[in-house]
All heavy atoms as atom14 arrays in JSON, in Angstrom:
{
  "sequence": "RETAVGPALTARGLVPAVREEQILGAVASVLETLQGLTGIFPDRMTTP",
  "atom14_mask": [
    [1, 1, 1, 1, 1, 1, 1, 1, 1, 1, 1, 0, 0, 0],
    [1, 1, 1, 1, 1, 1, 1, 1, 1, 0, 0, 0, 0, 0],
    [1, 1, 1, 1, 1, 1, 1, 0, 0, 0, 0, 0, 0, 0],
    [1, 1, 1, 1, 1, 0, 0, 0, 0, 0, 0, 0, 0, 0],
    [1, 1, 1, 1, 1, 1, 1, 0, 0, 0, 0, 0, 0, 0],
    [1, 1, 1, 1, 0, 0, 0, 0, 0, 0, 0, 0, 0, 0],
    [1, 1, 1, 1, 1, 1, 1, 0, 0, 0, 0, 0, 0, 0],
    [1, 1, 1, 1, 1, 0, 0, 0, 0, 0, 0, 0, 0, 0],
    [1, 1, 1, 1, 1, 1, 1, 1, 0, 0, 0, 0, 0, 0],
    [1, 1, 1, 1, 1, 1, 1, 0, 0, 0, 0, 0, 0, 0],
    [1, 1, 1, 1, 1, 0, 0, 0, 0, 0, 0, 0, 0, 0],
    [1, 1, 1, 1, 1, 1, 1, 1, 1, 1, 1, 0, 0, 0],
    [1, 1, 1, 1, 0, 0, 0, 0, 0, 0, 0, 0, 0, 0],
    [1, 1, 1, 1, 1, 1, 1, 1, 0, 0, 0, 0, 0, 0],
    [1, 1, 1, 1, 1, 1, 1, 0, 0, 0, 0, 0, 0, 0],
    [1, 1, 1, 1, 1, 1, 1, 0, 0, 0, 0, 0, 0, 0],
    [1, 1, 1, 1, 1, 0, 0, 0, 0, 0, 0, 0, 0, 0],
    [1, 1, 1, 1, 1, 1, 1, 0, 0, 0, 0, 0, 0, 0],
    [1, 1, 1, 1, 1, 1, 1, 1, 1, 1, 1, 0, 0, 0],
    [1, 1, 1, 1, 1, 1, 1, 1, 1, 0, 0, 0, 0, 0],
    [1, 1, 1, 1, 1, 1, 1, 1, 1, 0, 0, 0, 0, 0],
    [1, 1, 1, 1, 1, 1, 1, 1, 1, 0, 0, 0, 0, 0],
    [1, 1, 1, 1, 1, 1, 1, 1, 0, 0, 0, 0, 0, 0],
    [1, 1, 1, 1, 1, 1, 1, 1, 0, 0, 0, 0, 0, 0],
    [1, 1, 1, 1, 0, 0, 0, 0, 0, 0, 0, 0, 0, 0],
    [1, 1, 1, 1, 1, 0, 0, 0, 0, 0, 0, 0, 0, 0],
    [1, 1, 1, 1, 1, 1, 1, 0, 0, 0, 0, 0, 0, 0],
    [1, 1, 1, 1, 1, 0, 0, 0, 0, 0, 0, 0, 0, 0],
    [1, 1, 1, 1, 1, 1, 0, 0, 0, 0, 0, 0, 0, 0],
    [1, 1, 1, 1, 1, 1, 1, 0, 0, 0, 0, 0, 0, 0],
    [1, 1, 1, 1, 1, 1, 1, 1, 0, 0, 0, 0, 0, 0],
    [1, 1, 1, 1, 1, 1, 1, 1, 1, 0, 0, 0, 0, 0],
    [1, 1, 1, 1, 1, 1, 1, 0, 0, 0, 0, 0, 0, 0],
    [1, 1, 1, 1, 1, 1, 1, 1, 0, 0, 0, 0, 0, 0],
    [1, 1, 1, 1, 1, 1, 1, 1, 1, 0, 0, 0, 0, 0],
    [1, 1, 1, 1, 0, 0, 0, 0, 0, 0, 0, 0, 0, 0],
    [1, 1, 1, 1, 1, 1, 1, 1, 0, 0, 0, 0, 0, 0],
    [1, 1, 1, 1, 1, 1, 1, 0, 0, 0, 0, 0, 0, 0],
    [1, 1, 1, 1, 0, 0, 0, 0, 0, 0, 0, 0, 0, 0],
    [1, 1, 1, 1, 1, 1, 1, 1, 0, 0, 0, 0, 0, 0],
    [1, 1, 1, 1, 1, 1, 1, 1, 1, 1, 1, 0, 0, 0],
    [1, 1, 1, 1, 1, 1, 1, 0, 0, 0, 0, 0, 0, 0],
    [1, 1, 1, 1, 1, 1, 1, 1, 0, 0, 0, 0, 0, 0],
    [1, 1, 1, 1, 1, 1, 1, 1, 1, 1, 1, 0, 0, 0],
    [1, 1, 1, 1, 1, 1, 1, 1, 0, 0, 0, 0, 0, 0],
    [1, 1, 1, 1, 1, 1, 1, 0, 0, 0, 0, 0, 0, 0],
    [1, 1, 1, 1, 1, 1, 1, 0, 0, 0, 0, 0, 0, 0],
    [1, 1, 1, 1, 1, 1, 1, 0, 0, 0, 0, 0, 0, 0]
  ],
  "atom14_positions": [
    [[23.2, 54.28, 25.53], [22.29, 53.11, 25.67], [21.4, 53.33, 26.79], [20.18, 53.11, 26.75], [23.0, 51.82, 25.7], [23.57, 51.26, 24.46], [23.94, 49.79, 24.66], [24.6, 49.45, 23.45], [24.03, 48.92, 22.36], [22.62, 48.87, 22.42], [24.7, 48.67, 21.32], [0.0, 0.0, 0.0], [0.0, 0.0, 0.0], [0.0, 0.0, 0.0]],
    [[22.04, 53.72, 27.96], [21.12, 53.9, 29.23], [20.29, 55.02, 29.17], [19.23, 54.98, 29.75], [22.11, 53.88, 30.42], [22.8, 52.62, 30.7], [23.83, 52.59, 31.73], [24.08, 53.77, 32.23], [24.46, 51.62, 32.09], [0.0, 0.0, 0.0], [0.0, 0.0, 0.0], [0.0, 0.0, 0.0], [0.0, 0.0, 0.0], [0.0, 0.0, 0.0]],
    [[20.79, 56.1, 28.65], [19.99, 57.41, 28.7], [19.31, 57.85, 27.56], [18.29, 58.68, 27.66], [21.01, 58.63, 29.14], [21.86, 58.83, 28.08], [21.62, 58.34, 30.46], [0.0, 0.0, 0.0], [0.0, 0.0, 0.0], [0.0, 0.0, 0.0], [0.0, 0.0, 0.0], [0.0, 0.0, 0.0], [0.0, 0.0, 0.0], [0.0, 0.0, 0.0]],
    [[19.47, 57.22, 26.45], [18.79, 57.63, 25.17], [18.09, 56.41, 24.64], [16.94, 56.41, 24.31], [19.68, 58.24, 24.24], [0.0, 0.0, 0.0], [0.0, 0.0, 0.0], [0.0, 0.0, 0.0], [0.0, 0.0, 0.0], [0.0, 0.0, 0.0], [0.0, 0.0, 0.0], [0.0, 0.0, 0.0], [0.0, 0.0, 0.0], [0.0, 0.0, 0.0]],
    [[18.82, 55.39, 24.38], [18.2, 54.21, 23.55], [17.21, 53.47, 24.46], [16.1, 53.25, 23.92], [19.36, 53.11, 23.16], [18.74, 52.03, 22.47], [20.3, 53.87, 22.2], [0.0, 0.0, 0.0], [0.0, 0.0, 0.0], [0.0, 0.0, 0.0], [0.0, 0.0, 0.0], [0.0, 0.0, 0.0], [0.0, 0.0, 0.0], [0.0, 0.0, 0.0]],
    [[17.48, 53.25, 25.67], [16.51, 52.54, 26.6], [15.25, 53.27, 26.69], [14.22, 52.77, 26.37], [0.0, 0.0, 0.0], [0.0, 0.0, 0.0], [0.0, 0.0, 0.0], [0.0, 0.0, 0.0], [0.0, 0.0, 0.0], [0.0, 0.0, 0.0], [0.0, 0.0, 0.0], [0.0, 0.0, 0.0], [0.0, 0.0, 0.0], [0.0, 0.0, 0.0]],
    [[15.29, 54.61, 27.05], [14.04, 55.44, 27.13], [13.34, 55.4, 25.85], [12.12, 55.47, 25.78], [14.46, 56.7, 27.58], [15.85, 56.47, 28.37], [16.47, 55.39, 27.69], [0.0, 0.0, 0.0], [0.0, 0.0, 0.0], [0.0, 0.0, 0.0], [0.0, 0.0, 0.0], [0.0, 0.0, 0.0], [0.0, 0.0, 0.0], [0.0, 0.0, 0.0]],
    [[14.01, 55.6, 24.66], [13.36, 55.66, 23.36], [12.67, 54.42, 23.04], [11.51, 54.38, 22.48], [14.37, 56.06, 22.33], [0.0, 0.0, 0.0], [0.0, 0.0, 0.0], [0.0, 0.0, 0.0], [0.0, 0.0, 0.0], [0.0, 0.0, 0.0], [0.0, 0.0, 0.0], [0.0, 0.0, 0.0], [0.0, 0.0, 0.0], [0.0, 0.0, 0.0]],
    [[13.19, 53.28, 23.53], [12.47, 52.03, 23.17], [11.24, 51.83, 23.95], [10.25, 51.22, 23.49], [13.42, 50.77, 23.59], [14.59, 50.52, 22.65], [15.51, 49.63, 23.34], [14.11, 50.04, 21.27], [0.0, 0.0, 0.0], [0.0, 0.0, 0.0], [0.0, 0.0, 0.0], [0.0, 0.0, 0.0], [0.0, 0.0, 0.0], [0.0, 0.0, 0.0]],
    [[11.14, 52.4, 25.18], [9.98, 52.25, 25.97], [8.98, 53.46, 25.78], [7.86, 53.2, 26.23], [10.37, 52.26, 27.56], [11.04, 53.52, 27.87], [11.26, 51.07, 27.82], [0.0, 0.0, 0.0], [0.0, 0.0, 0.0], [0.0, 0.0, 0.0], [0.0, 0.0, 0.0], [0.0, 0.0, 0.0], [0.0, 0.0, 0.0], [0.0, 0.0, 0.0]],
    [[9.41, 54.5, 25.1], [8.53, 55.49, 24.85], [7.41, 55.04, 23.76], [7.66, 54.31, 22.9], [9.27, 56.79, 24.34], [0.0, 0.0, 0.0], [0.0, 0.0, 0.0], [0.0, 0.0, 0.0], [0.0, 0.0, 0.0], [0.0, 0.0, 0.0], [0.0, 0.0, 0.0], [0.0, 0.0, 0.0], [0.0, 0.0, 0.0], [0.0, 0.0, 0.0]],
    [[6.25, 55.7, 23.91], [5.17, 55.24, 23.01], [4.65, 56.61, 22.34], [4.88, 57.62, 22.84], [3.94, 54.72, 23.78], [4.35, 53.39, 24.51], [4.63, 52.35, 23.45], [4.93, 51.09, 24.14], [6.04, 50.41, 23.77], [6.87, 50.87, 22.87], [6.45, 49.33, 24.44], [0.0, 0.0, 0.0], [0.0, 0.0, 0.0], [0.0, 0.0, 0.0]],
    [[4.1, 56.37, 21.11], [3.57, 57.5, 20.57], [4.56, 58.15, 19.55], [5.81, 57.75, 19.38], [0.0, 0.0, 0.0], [0.0, 0.0, 0.0], [0.0, 0.0, 0.0], [0.0, 0.0, 0.0], [0.0, 0.0, 0.0], [0.0, 0.0, 0.0], [0.0, 0.0, 0.0], [0.0, 0.0, 0.0], [0.0, 0.0, 0.0], [0.0, 0.0, 0.0]],
    [[4.05, 59.18, 18.72], [4.89, 59.81, 17.78], [5.57, 60.93, 18.37], [5.36, 61.47, 19.44], [3.97, 60.5, 16.82], [3.06, 59.5, 15.96], [2.06, 60.26, 15.02], [3.93, 58.45, 15.08], [0.0, 0.0, 0.0], [0.0, 0.0, 0.0], [0.0, 0.0, 0.0], [0.0, 0.0, 0.0], [0.0, 0.0, 0.0], [0.0, 0.0, 0.0]],
    [[6.72, 61.21, 17.69], [7.66, 62.32, 18.12], [6.89, 63.61, 17.69], [6.57, 63.75, 16.56], [9.04, 62.15, 17.5], [9.81, 63.52, 17.82], [9.68, 60.93, 17.85], [0.0, 0.0, 0.0], [0.0, 0.0, 0.0], [0.0, 0.0, 0.0], [0.0, 0.0, 0.0], [0.0, 0.0, 0.0], [0.0, 0.0, 0.0], [0.0, 0.0, 0.0]],
    [[6.59, 64.56, 18.57], [6.03, 65.79, 18.25], [6.82, 66.42, 17.09], [8.12, 66.55, 17.09], [5.94, 66.61, 19.53], [6.1, 65.69, 20.62], [6.92, 64.54, 20.04], [0.0, 0.0, 0.0], [0.0, 0.0, 0.0], [0.0, 0.0, 0.0], [0.0, 0.0, 0.0], [0.0, 0.0, 0.0], [0.0, 0.0, 0.0], [0.0, 0.0, 0.0]],
    [[6.16, 67.12, 16.16], [6.8, 67.76, 15.1], [7.9, 68.71, 15.53], [8.94, 68.78, 14.99], [5.83, 68.51, 14.12], [0.0, 0.0, 0.0], [0.0, 0.0, 0.0], [0.0, 0.0, 0.0], [0.0, 0.0, 0.0], [0.0, 0.0, 0.0], [0.0, 0.0, 0.0], [0.0, 0.0, 0.0], [0.0, 0.0, 0.0], [0.0, 0.0, 0.0]],
    [[7.63, 69.51, 16.64], [8.58, 70.46, 17.09], [9.86, 69.72, 17.69], [10.82, 70.46, 17.83], [7.97, 71.48, 18.15], [6.81, 72.18, 17.52], [7.43, 70.66, 19.44], [0.0, 0.0, 0.0], [0.0, 0.0, 0.0], [0.0, 0.0, 0.0], [0.0, 0.0, 0.0], [0.0, 0.0, 0.0], [0.0, 0.0, 0.0], [0.0, 0.0, 0.0]],
    [[9.74, 68.51, 18.0], [10.91, 67.8, 18.47], [11.71, 67.07, 17.49], [12.83, 66.71, 17.72], [10.58, 66.83, 19.51], [9.87, 67.48, 20.82], [10.93, 68.11, 21.58], [10.41, 68.62, 22.81], [10.82, 69.73, 23.35], [11.8, 70.5, 22.89], [10.32, 70.16, 24.46], [0.0, 0.0, 0.0], [0.0, 0.0, 0.0], [0.0, 0.0, 0.0]],
    [[11.09, 66.9, 16.31], [11.85, 66.11, 15.14], [13.15, 66.77, 14.78], [14.17, 66.14, 14.63], [10.88, 65.95, 14.0], [9.79, 64.94, 14.08], [9.09, 64.71, 12.91], [9.62, 65.1, 11.77], [7.96, 64.31, 12.89], [0.0, 0.0, 0.0], [0.0, 0.0, 0.0], [0.0, 0.0, 0.0], [0.0, 0.0, 0.0], [0.0, 0.0, 0.0]],
    [[13.13, 68.16, 14.76], [14.38, 68.87, 14.29], [15.44, 68.59, 15.41], [16.69, 68.35, 14.99], [14.09, 70.32, 14.29], [15.31, 71.2, 14.01], [15.01, 72.69, 14.08], [13.76, 73.04, 14.27], [15.93, 73.41, 14.04], [0.0, 0.0, 0.0], [0.0, 0.0, 0.0], [0.0, 0.0, 0.0], [0.0, 0.0, 0.0], [0.0, 0.0, 0.0]],
    [[15.15, 68.65, 16.71], [16.06, 68.38, 17.74], [16.66, 66.9, 17.76], [17.9, 66.82, 17.86], [15.37, 68.73, 19.15], [14.98, 70.06, 19.32], [14.21, 70.25, 20.59], [13.49, 69.41, 21.13], [14.27, 71.5, 21.13], [0.0, 0.0, 0.0], [0.0, 0.0, 0.0], [0.0, 0.0, 0.0], [0.0, 0.0, 0.0], [0.0, 0.0, 0.0]],
    [[15.83, 65.89, 17.55], [16.38, 64.57, 17.53], [17.22, 64.26, 16.36], [18.3, 63.62, 16.38], [15.16, 63.55, 17.79], [15.76, 62.08, 18.11], [14.32, 63.52, 16.64], [16.33, 61.97, 19.39], [0.0, 0.0, 0.0], [0.0, 0.0, 0.0], [0.0, 0.0, 0.0], [0.0, 0.0, 0.0], [0.0, 0.0, 0.0], [0.0, 0.0, 0.0]],
    [[16.8, 64.84, 15.23], [17.48, 64.66, 13.97], [18.99, 65.28, 14.1], [20.0, 64.74, 13.71], [16.87, 65.3, 12.75], [15.67, 64.45, 12.34], [14.72, 65.26, 11.49], [16.07, 63.21, 11.52], [0.0, 0.0, 0.0], [0.0, 0.0, 0.0], [0.0, 0.0, 0.0], [0.0, 0.0, 0.0], [0.0, 0.0, 0.0], [0.0, 0.0, 0.0]],
    [[18.98, 66.48, 14.68], [20.23, 67.21, 14.96], [21.12, 66.53, 15.91], [22.36, 66.5, 15.79], [0.0, 0.0, 0.0], [0.0, 0.0, 0.0], [0.0, 0.0, 0.0], [0.0, 0.0, 0.0], [0.0, 0.0, 0.0], [0.0, 0.0, 0.0], [0.0, 0.0, 0.0], [0.0, 0.0, 0.0], [0.0, 0.0, 0.0], [0.0, 0.0, 0.0]],
    [[20.45, 66.04, 17.01], [21.31, 65.38, 18.11], [21.95, 64.06, 17.48], [23.15, 63.73, 17.74], [20.38, 65.0, 19.17], [0.0, 0.0, 0.0], [0.0, 0.0, 0.0], [0.0, 0.0, 0.0], [0.0, 0.0, 0.0], [0.0, 0.0, 0.0], [0.0, 0.0, 0.0], [0.0, 0.0, 0.0], [0.0, 0.0, 0.0], [0.0, 0.0, 0.0]],
    [[21.15, 63.26, 16.78], [21.71, 62.04, 16.28], [22.8, 62.47, 15.13], [23.86, 61.79, 15.02], [20.66, 61.15, 15.54], [21.24, 59.97, 14.92], [19.62, 60.67, 16.67], [0.0, 0.0, 0.0], [0.0, 0.0, 0.0], [0.0, 0.0, 0.0], [0.0, 0.0, 0.0], [0.0, 0.0, 0.0], [0.0, 0.0, 0.0], [0.0, 0.0, 0.0]],
    [[22.59, 63.49, 14.39], [23.54, 63.93, 13.43], [24.88, 64.35, 14.12], [25.92, 63.92, 13.58], [23.15, 65.11, 12.57], [0.0, 0.0, 0.0], [0.0, 0.0, 0.0], [0.0, 0.0, 0.0], [0.0, 0.0, 0.0], [0.0, 0.0, 0.0], [0.0, 0.0, 0.0], [0.0, 0.0, 0.0], [0.0, 0.0, 0.0], [0.0, 0.0, 0.0]],
    [[24.75, 64.95, 15.24], [25.98, 65.32, 15.97], [26.83, 64.16, 16.44], [27.96, 64.13, 16.44], [25.61, 66.19, 17.22], [25.01, 67.44, 16.88], [0.0, 0.0, 0.0], [0.0, 0.0, 0.0], [0.0, 0.0, 0.0], [0.0, 0.0, 0.0], [0.0, 0.0, 0.0], [0.0, 0.0, 0.0], [0.0, 0.0, 0.0], [0.0, 0.0, 0.0]],
    [[26.03, 63.1, 16.84], [26.79, 61.86, 17.33], [27.42, 61.19, 16.15], [28.72, 60.93, 16.28], [25.72, 60.92, 17.95], [26.39, 59.55, 18.14], [25.11, 61.43, 19.16], [0.0, 0.0, 0.0], [0.0, 0.0, 0.0], [0.0, 0.0, 0.0], [0.0, 0.0, 0.0], [0.0, 0.0, 0.0], [0.0, 0.0, 0.0], [0.0, 0.0, 0.0]],
    [[26.85, 61.14, 15.02], [27.52, 60.65, 13.8], [28.61, 61.36, 13.37], [29.71, 60.91, 12.95], [26.54, 60.46, 12.65], [25.42, 59.33, 12.91], [24.57, 59.11, 11.72], [25.95, 58.04, 13.35], [0.0, 0.0, 0.0], [0.0, 0.0, 0.0], [0.0, 0.0, 0.0], [0.0, 0.0, 0.0], [0.0, 0.0, 0.0], [0.0, 0.0, 0.0]],
    [[28.48, 62.76, 13.41], [29.61, 63.62, 13.04], [30.79, 63.41, 13.9], [31.93, 63.42, 13.52], [29.21, 65.17, 12.97], [28.21, 65.39, 11.91], [27.47, 66.74, 12.04], [27.5, 67.26, 13.23], [26.72, 67.22, 11.18], [0.0, 0.0, 0.0], [0.0, 0.0, 0.0], [0.0, 0.0, 0.0], [0.0, 0.0, 0.0], [0.0, 0.0, 0.0]],
    [[30.53, 63.2, 15.24], [31.68, 63.0, 16.2], [32.28, 61.62, 15.88], [33.58, 61.52, 15.92], [31.11, 63.03, 17.61], [30.48, 64.3, 17.83], [32.21, 62.88, 18.54], [0.0, 0.0, 0.0], [0.0, 0.0, 0.0], [0.0, 0.0, 0.0], [0.0, 0.0, 0.0], [0.0, 0.0, 0.0], [0.0, 0.0, 0.0], [0.0, 0.0, 0.0]],
    [[31.46, 60.63, 15.63], [32.02, 59.32, 15.33], [32.85, 59.4, 13.96], [33.94, 58.72, 13.84], [30.91, 58.23, 15.19], [30.5, 57.73, 16.52], [29.21, 56.86, 16.27], [31.45, 57.0, 17.25], [0.0, 0.0, 0.0], [0.0, 0.0, 0.0], [0.0, 0.0, 0.0], [0.0, 0.0, 0.0], [0.0, 0.0, 0.0], [0.0, 0.0, 0.0]],
    [[32.37, 60.11, 13.09], [33.06, 60.33, 11.81], [34.41, 61.0, 12.04], [35.45, 60.53, 11.44], [32.26, 61.05, 10.79], [32.81, 61.24, 9.4], [33.86, 62.15, 9.26], [33.85, 63.24, 9.86], [34.93, 61.92, 8.5], [0.0, 0.0, 0.0], [0.0, 0.0, 0.0], [0.0, 0.0, 0.0], [0.0, 0.0, 0.0], [0.0, 0.0, 0.0]],
    [[34.45, 61.97, 12.87], [35.7, 62.65, 13.2], [36.68, 61.69, 13.86], [37.9, 61.58, 13.42], [0.0, 0.0, 0.0], [0.0, 0.0, 0.0], [0.0, 0.0, 0.0], [0.0, 0.0, 0.0], [0.0, 0.0, 0.0], [0.0, 0.0, 0.0], [0.0, 0.0, 0.0], [0.0, 0.0, 0.0], [0.0, 0.0, 0.0], [0.0, 0.0, 0.0]],
    [[36.24, 60.73, 14.74], [37.04, 59.83, 15.29], [37.55, 58.71, 14.32], [38.72, 58.49, 14.2], [36.43, 59.08, 16.48], [37.16, 57.99, 17.19], [38.39, 58.75, 17.91], [36.15, 57.3, 18.25], [0.0, 0.0, 0.0], [0.0, 0.0, 0.0], [0.0, 0.0, 0.0], [0.0, 0.0, 0.0], [0.0, 0.0, 0.0], [0.0, 0.0, 0.0]],
    [[36.58, 58.17, 13.59], [37.02, 57.16, 12.64], [37.98, 57.64, 11.49], [38.69, 57.06, 10.92], [35.79, 56.43, 12.0], [34.93, 57.29, 11.41], [34.95, 55.65, 13.13], [0.0, 0.0, 0.0], [0.0, 0.0, 0.0], [0.0, 0.0, 0.0], [0.0, 0.0, 0.0], [0.0, 0.0, 0.0], [0.0, 0.0, 0.0], [0.0, 0.0, 0.0]],
    [[37.73, 59.0, 11.25], [38.53, 59.59, 10.08], [40.04, 59.78, 10.47], [40.81, 59.87, 9.59], [0.0, 0.0, 0.0], [0.0, 0.0, 0.0], [0.0, 0.0, 0.0], [0.0, 0.0, 0.0], [0.0, 0.0, 0.0], [0.0, 0.0, 0.0], [0.0, 0.0, 0.0], [0.0, 0.0, 0.0], [0.0, 0.0, 0.0], [0.0, 0.0, 0.0]],
    [[40.29, 59.67, 11.72], [41.67, 59.77, 12.23], [42.47, 58.58, 11.91], [43.66, 58.56, 11.74], [41.67, 60.04, 13.84], [41.16, 61.39, 14.0], [43.03, 59.93, 14.29], [40.84, 61.63, 15.53], [0.0, 0.0, 0.0], [0.0, 0.0, 0.0], [0.0, 0.0, 0.0], [0.0, 0.0, 0.0], [0.0, 0.0, 0.0], [0.0, 0.0, 0.0]],
    [[41.75, 57.36, 11.98], [42.46, 56.09, 12.06], [42.88, 55.38, 10.65], [43.65, 54.49, 10.6], [41.74, 55.1, 12.94], [41.85, 55.48, 14.39], [40.76, 56.07, 15.05], [43.04, 55.32, 15.01], [40.9, 56.42, 16.38], [43.2, 55.64, 16.37], [42.01, 56.13, 17.1], [0.0, 0.0, 0.0], [0.0, 0.0, 0.0], [0.0, 0.0, 0.0]],
    [[42.29, 55.69, 9.48], [42.58, 54.88, 8.37], [44.11, 54.78, 8.07], [44.5, 53.65, 7.75], [41.8, 55.55, 7.19], [40.77, 56.15, 7.9], [41.22, 56.59, 9.18], [0.0, 0.0, 0.0], [0.0, 0.0, 0.0], [0.0, 0.0, 0.0], [0.0, 0.0, 0.0], [0.0, 0.0, 0.0], [0.0, 0.0, 0.0], [0.0, 0.0, 0.0]],
    [[44.79, 55.81, 8.19], [46.27, 55.77, 7.85], [47.14, 55.31, 8.97], [48.28, 55.21, 8.81], [46.69, 57.11, 7.26], [45.98, 57.6, 6.0], [45.63, 56.63, 5.23], [45.9, 58.75, 5.85], [0.0, 0.0, 0.0], [0.0, 0.0, 0.0], [0.0, 0.0, 0.0], [0.0, 0.0, 0.0], [0.0, 0.0, 0.0], [0.0, 0.0, 0.0]],
    [[46.49, 55.03, 10.13], [47.22, 54.64, 11.31], [47.12, 53.11, 11.65], [47.63, 52.65, 12.48], [46.77, 55.5, 12.52], [47.2, 57.0, 12.36], [46.58, 57.75, 13.38], [47.3, 57.38, 14.7], [46.86, 58.03, 15.79], [46.02, 58.84, 15.8], [47.43, 57.68, 16.92], [0.0, 0.0, 0.0], [0.0, 0.0, 0.0], [0.0, 0.0, 0.0]],
    [[46.18, 52.45, 10.87], [45.95, 51.06, 11.1], [47.15, 50.29, 10.43], [47.65, 50.59, 9.31], [44.62, 50.59, 10.33], [43.39, 51.19, 11.04], [43.19, 50.49, 12.69], [43.53, 51.83, 13.75], [0.0, 0.0, 0.0], [0.0, 0.0, 0.0], [0.0, 0.0, 0.0], [0.0, 0.0, 0.0], [0.0, 0.0, 0.0], [0.0, 0.0, 0.0]],
    [[47.42, 49.17, 11.03], [48.45, 48.26, 10.63], [48.1, 47.48, 9.45], [48.98, 47.16, 8.49], [49.01, 47.45, 11.74], [49.33, 48.34, 12.88], [50.19, 46.66, 11.42], [0.0, 0.0, 0.0], [0.0, 0.0, 0.0], [0.0, 0.0, 0.0], [0.0, 0.0, 0.0], [0.0, 0.0, 0.0], [0.0, 0.0, 0.0], [0.0, 0.0, 0.0]],
    [[46.85, 46.94, 9.46], [46.41, 46.06, 8.44], [45.51, 46.67, 7.3], [45.04, 47.65, 7.57], [45.65, 44.83, 9.13], [44.26, 45.38, 9.5], [46.34, 44.23, 10.24], [0.0, 0.0, 0.0], [0.0, 0.0, 0.0], [0.0, 0.0, 0.0], [0.0, 0.0, 0.0], [0.0, 0.0, 0.0], [0.0, 0.0, 0.0], [0.0, 0.0, 0.0]],
    [[45.57, 46.04, 6.15], [44.77, 46.6, 5.07], [43.2, 46.58, 5.42], [42.53, 47.5, 5.06], [45.04, 45.69, 3.91], [46.48, 45.11, 4.16], [46.5, 44.92, 5.6], [0.0, 0.0, 0.0], [0.0, 0.0, 0.0], [0.0, 0.0, 0.0], [0.0, 0.0, 0.0], [0.0, 0.0, 0.0], [0.0, 0.0, 0.0], [0.0, 0.0, 0.0]]
  ]
}
């Protein structure tokens, strides 16, 4: 939130085409990491 979301909210203008690949990949990496974490827990939860 502090280092990415905040600055992204205050930035103006379009993302340069050469940077689109980087931001898409970076966000994909975050989601893949979260998926790895959330994938560990379904069978370990106590409640349905």
